[in-house]
Protein backbone atom coordinates (compact mmCIF):
# COMPACT_ATOMS: atom_id res chain seq x y z
CA MET A 1 227.94 144.64 -150.66
CA LYS A 2 226.69 147.54 -152.80
CA ASN A 3 224.68 146.85 -155.95
CA ASP A 4 227.37 148.19 -158.28
CA GLU A 5 230.00 146.00 -156.59
CA LYS A 6 227.76 142.96 -156.93
CA LEU A 7 227.13 143.75 -160.60
CA LEU A 8 230.87 143.94 -161.23
CA LEU A 9 231.35 140.51 -159.67
CA LYS A 10 228.55 139.08 -161.80
CA GLN A 11 230.25 140.48 -164.89
CA LYS A 12 233.60 138.97 -163.90
CA SER A 13 232.19 135.48 -163.37
CA ALA A 14 230.28 135.73 -166.65
CA GLN A 15 233.44 136.83 -168.47
CA LYS A 16 235.34 133.82 -167.14
CA ALA A 17 232.54 131.48 -168.27
CA LEU A 18 232.78 132.92 -171.77
CA SER A 19 236.30 131.49 -172.06
CA TYR A 20 234.81 127.97 -172.04
CA VAL A 21 232.57 128.63 -175.04
CA LYS A 22 233.82 127.33 -178.40
CA ASN A 23 232.62 127.77 -181.97
CA GLY A 24 230.07 125.20 -183.10
CA MET A 25 228.71 124.49 -179.63
CA VAL A 26 225.13 123.78 -178.68
CA LEU A 27 224.97 126.03 -175.64
CA GLY A 28 222.40 125.80 -172.84
CA ILE A 29 221.58 129.19 -171.34
CA GLY A 30 220.16 129.37 -167.83
CA SER A 31 218.26 132.20 -166.19
CA GLY A 32 218.88 135.02 -163.74
CA SER A 33 220.83 138.24 -163.32
CA THR A 34 224.32 136.74 -163.74
CA VAL A 35 223.23 134.86 -166.86
CA ARG A 36 221.93 138.15 -168.24
CA GLU A 37 225.50 139.47 -168.03
CA PHE A 38 226.78 136.35 -169.77
CA ILE A 39 224.31 136.82 -172.64
CA ARG A 40 225.40 140.43 -173.03
CA LEU A 41 229.08 139.45 -173.14
CA LEU A 42 228.43 136.55 -175.52
CA ALA A 43 226.56 138.82 -177.94
CA ALA A 44 229.43 141.33 -177.86
CA SER A 45 232.17 138.74 -178.44
CA SER A 46 234.42 139.40 -181.43
CA SER A 47 236.47 136.21 -181.04
CA LEU A 48 233.58 133.76 -181.53
CA ASP A 49 231.61 132.90 -184.65
CA LEU A 50 228.22 133.53 -183.08
CA GLN A 51 226.30 132.10 -186.03
CA SER A 52 227.94 128.72 -185.37
CA ILE A 53 226.71 128.66 -181.75
CA ILE A 54 223.16 127.48 -181.05
CA CYS A 55 221.62 128.70 -177.79
CA ILE A 56 219.02 126.62 -175.93
CA PRO A 57 217.06 128.84 -173.50
CA SER A 58 215.81 127.60 -170.13
CA SER A 59 213.02 130.16 -169.73
CA PHE A 60 210.84 132.59 -171.65
CA ASP A 61 212.83 135.48 -170.15
CA THR A 62 216.11 134.01 -171.39
CA GLU A 63 214.63 133.34 -174.82
CA SER A 64 213.56 136.99 -175.07
CA LEU A 65 217.05 138.17 -174.13
CA LEU A 66 218.66 135.89 -176.72
CA VAL A 67 216.32 137.18 -179.43
CA LYS A 68 217.09 140.80 -178.53
CA ALA A 69 220.81 140.00 -178.65
CA ASN A 70 220.44 138.46 -182.14
CA LEU A 71 221.88 135.16 -180.94
CA ARG A 72 220.96 131.94 -182.71
CA LEU A 73 218.13 130.03 -181.00
CA GLY A 74 217.54 126.30 -180.89
CA ARG A 75 215.14 123.89 -179.19
CA LEU A 76 216.11 121.08 -176.86
CA ASN A 77 214.17 118.53 -178.93
CA GLN A 78 216.46 119.24 -181.88
CA PHE A 79 219.55 117.86 -180.12
CA SER A 80 220.39 114.67 -178.26
CA LYS A 81 222.99 116.47 -176.15
CA ILE A 82 223.95 120.02 -175.20
CA ASP A 83 227.70 120.65 -175.22
CA LEU A 84 227.78 123.16 -172.37
CA THR A 85 225.26 124.94 -170.16
CA ILE A 86 225.96 128.22 -168.37
CA ASP A 87 223.63 128.99 -165.47
CA GLY A 88 223.49 130.80 -162.15
CA ALA A 89 222.38 129.74 -158.67
CA ASP A 90 220.67 131.20 -155.62
CA ARG A 91 222.90 129.33 -153.17
CA VAL A 92 226.01 127.13 -153.47
CA ASP A 93 227.41 125.00 -150.65
CA SER A 94 230.96 123.78 -150.05
CA LYS A 95 230.27 120.49 -151.89
CA LEU A 96 228.95 122.26 -155.03
CA ASN A 97 225.30 121.46 -154.34
CA LEU A 98 222.89 124.20 -155.38
CA ILE A 99 219.54 125.78 -154.70
CA LYS A 100 218.01 127.26 -157.85
CA GLY A 101 214.61 128.50 -158.90
CA GLY A 102 214.39 131.96 -157.37
CA GLY A 103 213.32 133.15 -160.81
CA GLY A 104 210.84 130.29 -161.17
CA ALA A 105 212.59 128.53 -164.07
CA LEU A 106 213.85 125.48 -162.13
CA LEU A 107 212.05 122.79 -164.16
CA ARG A 108 213.44 123.82 -167.53
CA GLU A 109 216.81 124.69 -165.99
CA LYS A 110 217.20 121.19 -164.57
CA ILE A 111 216.14 119.55 -167.85
CA VAL A 112 218.69 121.61 -169.78
CA ALA A 113 221.40 120.85 -167.20
CA ALA A 114 220.65 117.11 -167.26
CA ALA A 115 220.90 117.11 -171.05
CA SER A 116 224.33 118.77 -170.98
CA LYS A 117 227.80 117.25 -171.24
CA GLU A 118 229.11 120.01 -168.95
CA VAL A 119 227.43 122.52 -166.64
CA ILE A 120 229.16 125.68 -165.43
CA ILE A 121 227.53 127.68 -162.64
CA ILE A 122 228.44 131.37 -162.39
CA VAL A 123 227.94 133.25 -159.11
CA ASP A 124 229.33 136.00 -156.95
CA GLU A 125 230.57 135.31 -153.44
CA SER A 126 227.28 136.37 -151.81
CA LYS A 127 225.74 133.08 -152.99
CA LEU A 128 228.18 130.89 -151.05
CA VAL A 129 226.96 129.15 -147.88
CA LYS A 130 228.38 126.47 -145.64
CA GLU A 131 225.12 124.49 -145.76
CA LEU A 132 222.04 124.79 -147.96
CA ALA A 133 219.65 124.01 -145.08
CA GLY A 134 218.10 127.22 -143.78
CA SER A 135 219.94 129.41 -146.27
CA TYR A 136 217.20 129.81 -148.88
CA PRO A 137 213.73 128.30 -149.49
CA ILE A 138 213.70 125.37 -151.91
CA PRO A 139 211.23 126.09 -154.72
CA VAL A 140 208.96 123.17 -155.64
CA GLU A 141 207.01 123.35 -158.91
CA VAL A 142 203.60 121.73 -158.49
CA LEU A 143 200.47 121.03 -160.49
CA PRO A 144 197.87 123.53 -159.21
CA LEU A 145 195.24 120.88 -158.42
CA ALA A 146 197.77 119.04 -156.22
CA LYS A 147 198.83 122.09 -154.18
CA VAL A 148 197.33 121.08 -150.81
CA PHE A 149 198.34 117.43 -151.18
CA VAL A 150 201.94 118.42 -151.97
CA GLU A 151 202.03 120.92 -149.10
CA ASN A 152 201.08 118.14 -146.67
CA ALA A 153 203.67 115.77 -148.16
CA LEU A 154 206.42 118.41 -147.88
CA GLN A 155 205.53 118.96 -144.24
CA LYS A 156 205.95 115.23 -143.60
CA LEU A 157 209.47 115.52 -145.05
CA GLY A 158 210.25 118.28 -142.55
CA GLY A 159 209.58 121.24 -144.82
CA LYS A 160 207.58 124.40 -144.31
CA PRO A 161 206.01 125.25 -147.71
CA SER A 162 204.68 128.67 -148.68
CA LEU A 163 202.87 129.48 -151.91
CA ARG A 164 204.83 132.02 -153.96
CA LEU A 165 202.61 135.00 -154.70
CA ALA A 166 202.89 137.12 -157.83
CA ALA A 167 204.35 140.62 -157.58
CA ASN A 168 202.20 142.34 -160.21
CA LYS A 169 198.92 140.44 -160.08
CA LEU A 170 196.62 138.92 -157.50
CA GLY A 171 197.21 135.31 -156.56
CA ALA A 172 200.00 132.84 -157.17
CA THR A 173 203.08 133.10 -159.33
CA ILE A 174 202.58 130.94 -162.42
CA THR A 175 205.63 129.38 -164.06
CA ASP A 176 206.38 129.24 -167.79
CA ASN A 177 204.84 125.75 -167.65
CA GLY A 178 201.54 126.86 -166.08
CA ASN A 179 202.30 125.54 -162.59
CA MET A 180 202.57 126.93 -159.05
CA LEU A 181 205.62 127.25 -156.80
CA LEU A 182 205.85 126.23 -153.16
CA ASP A 183 208.90 127.87 -151.56
CA THR A 184 209.83 125.37 -148.86
CA GLU A 185 212.05 125.99 -145.85
CA PHE A 186 214.13 123.08 -144.56
CA THR A 187 216.16 123.67 -141.40
CA LYS A 188 217.92 120.31 -141.77
CA ILE A 189 219.00 118.45 -144.91
CA PRO A 190 221.06 115.38 -143.93
CA ASP A 191 221.29 114.09 -147.51
CA ILE A 192 220.73 116.55 -150.36
CA ALA A 193 220.47 114.00 -153.17
CA LYS A 194 218.00 111.93 -151.13
CA LEU A 195 215.77 114.91 -150.33
CA GLU A 196 215.87 116.01 -153.97
CA GLU A 197 214.60 112.56 -154.98
CA GLU A 198 212.02 112.34 -152.18
CA ILE A 199 210.45 115.66 -153.15
CA ASN A 200 210.31 114.68 -156.81
CA ASN A 201 208.62 111.39 -155.89
CA ILE A 202 205.59 113.24 -154.48
CA PRO A 203 202.70 112.92 -156.98
CA GLY A 204 201.92 116.38 -158.35
CA VAL A 205 205.52 117.62 -158.14
CA PHE A 206 207.24 118.38 -161.43
CA GLU A 207 210.65 119.39 -160.04
CA ASN A 208 212.37 121.08 -157.12
CA GLY A 209 215.19 123.59 -156.78
CA LEU A 210 217.73 121.29 -155.15
CA PHE A 211 220.47 120.60 -157.70
CA SER A 212 222.78 117.98 -156.23
CA ASN A 213 226.38 118.21 -157.41
CA ARG A 214 225.97 115.29 -159.83
CA LEU A 215 224.72 117.89 -162.35
CA VAL A 216 227.59 120.36 -161.88
CA THR A 217 230.94 120.28 -163.70
CA ARG A 218 232.44 123.45 -162.24
CA ILE A 219 231.47 126.62 -160.42
CA ILE A 220 232.96 130.03 -161.18
CA ILE A 221 232.92 132.34 -158.17
CA ALA A 222 233.79 136.03 -158.40
CA THR A 223 235.13 137.40 -155.11
CA THR A 224 236.13 140.84 -153.89
CA THR A 225 239.48 139.80 -152.37
CA LYS A 226 240.56 136.57 -154.11
CA GLY A 227 239.57 137.30 -157.70
CA ILE A 228 237.99 134.48 -159.69
CA ILE A 229 237.81 131.05 -158.06
CA VAL A 230 236.98 127.98 -160.15
CA LYS A 231 235.84 124.89 -158.25
CA GLU A 232 235.48 121.50 -159.91
CA LYS A 233 234.20 118.16 -158.66
């Protein structure tokens, strides 16, 4: 798929997600390229009262985009619940389980999702896989001093961890929270929810990029031949 075709699909899924946004909402905003399109469309909306919508960002990058778009910002600690979160995903399986965290924002993304009444995931068809295992490394956010310990623990769970290196500096990628990322390959995942919990139970792990379908309300998929597909649990 060409880049311009993929961009068009991202825009279509983002446009569909916009139809679920209502005036007065506290709106969680995820991270990634498809969410960037959603922010652009939200800011350009003439049918919504944008000053009545409070946006809760899941990353520094998203916060910067919201500020540039003149959208109203809020903080998670100000609200007991978020009405709706719009986010993307790196991979989606047939049961609506996800892998997220390619952009390194998985910890805040999962907190925002867990605090939300509804979560809508927007993707193009290239993100769909039959099984998550082997399709994409699972990012694991770890305390730097626990890196080696966590690597060994992930190997015992059947994973093959690799420290994510920064693109524009020497050394490791550092998250918005000051932590490191171990991108971990799993060739087999018999139980996604169980593995998600087992990884998080390792001392030194803050969060991992497995998002079991308990967090997902619906997924909007833009396709080249079937238009927009909306899947719900």
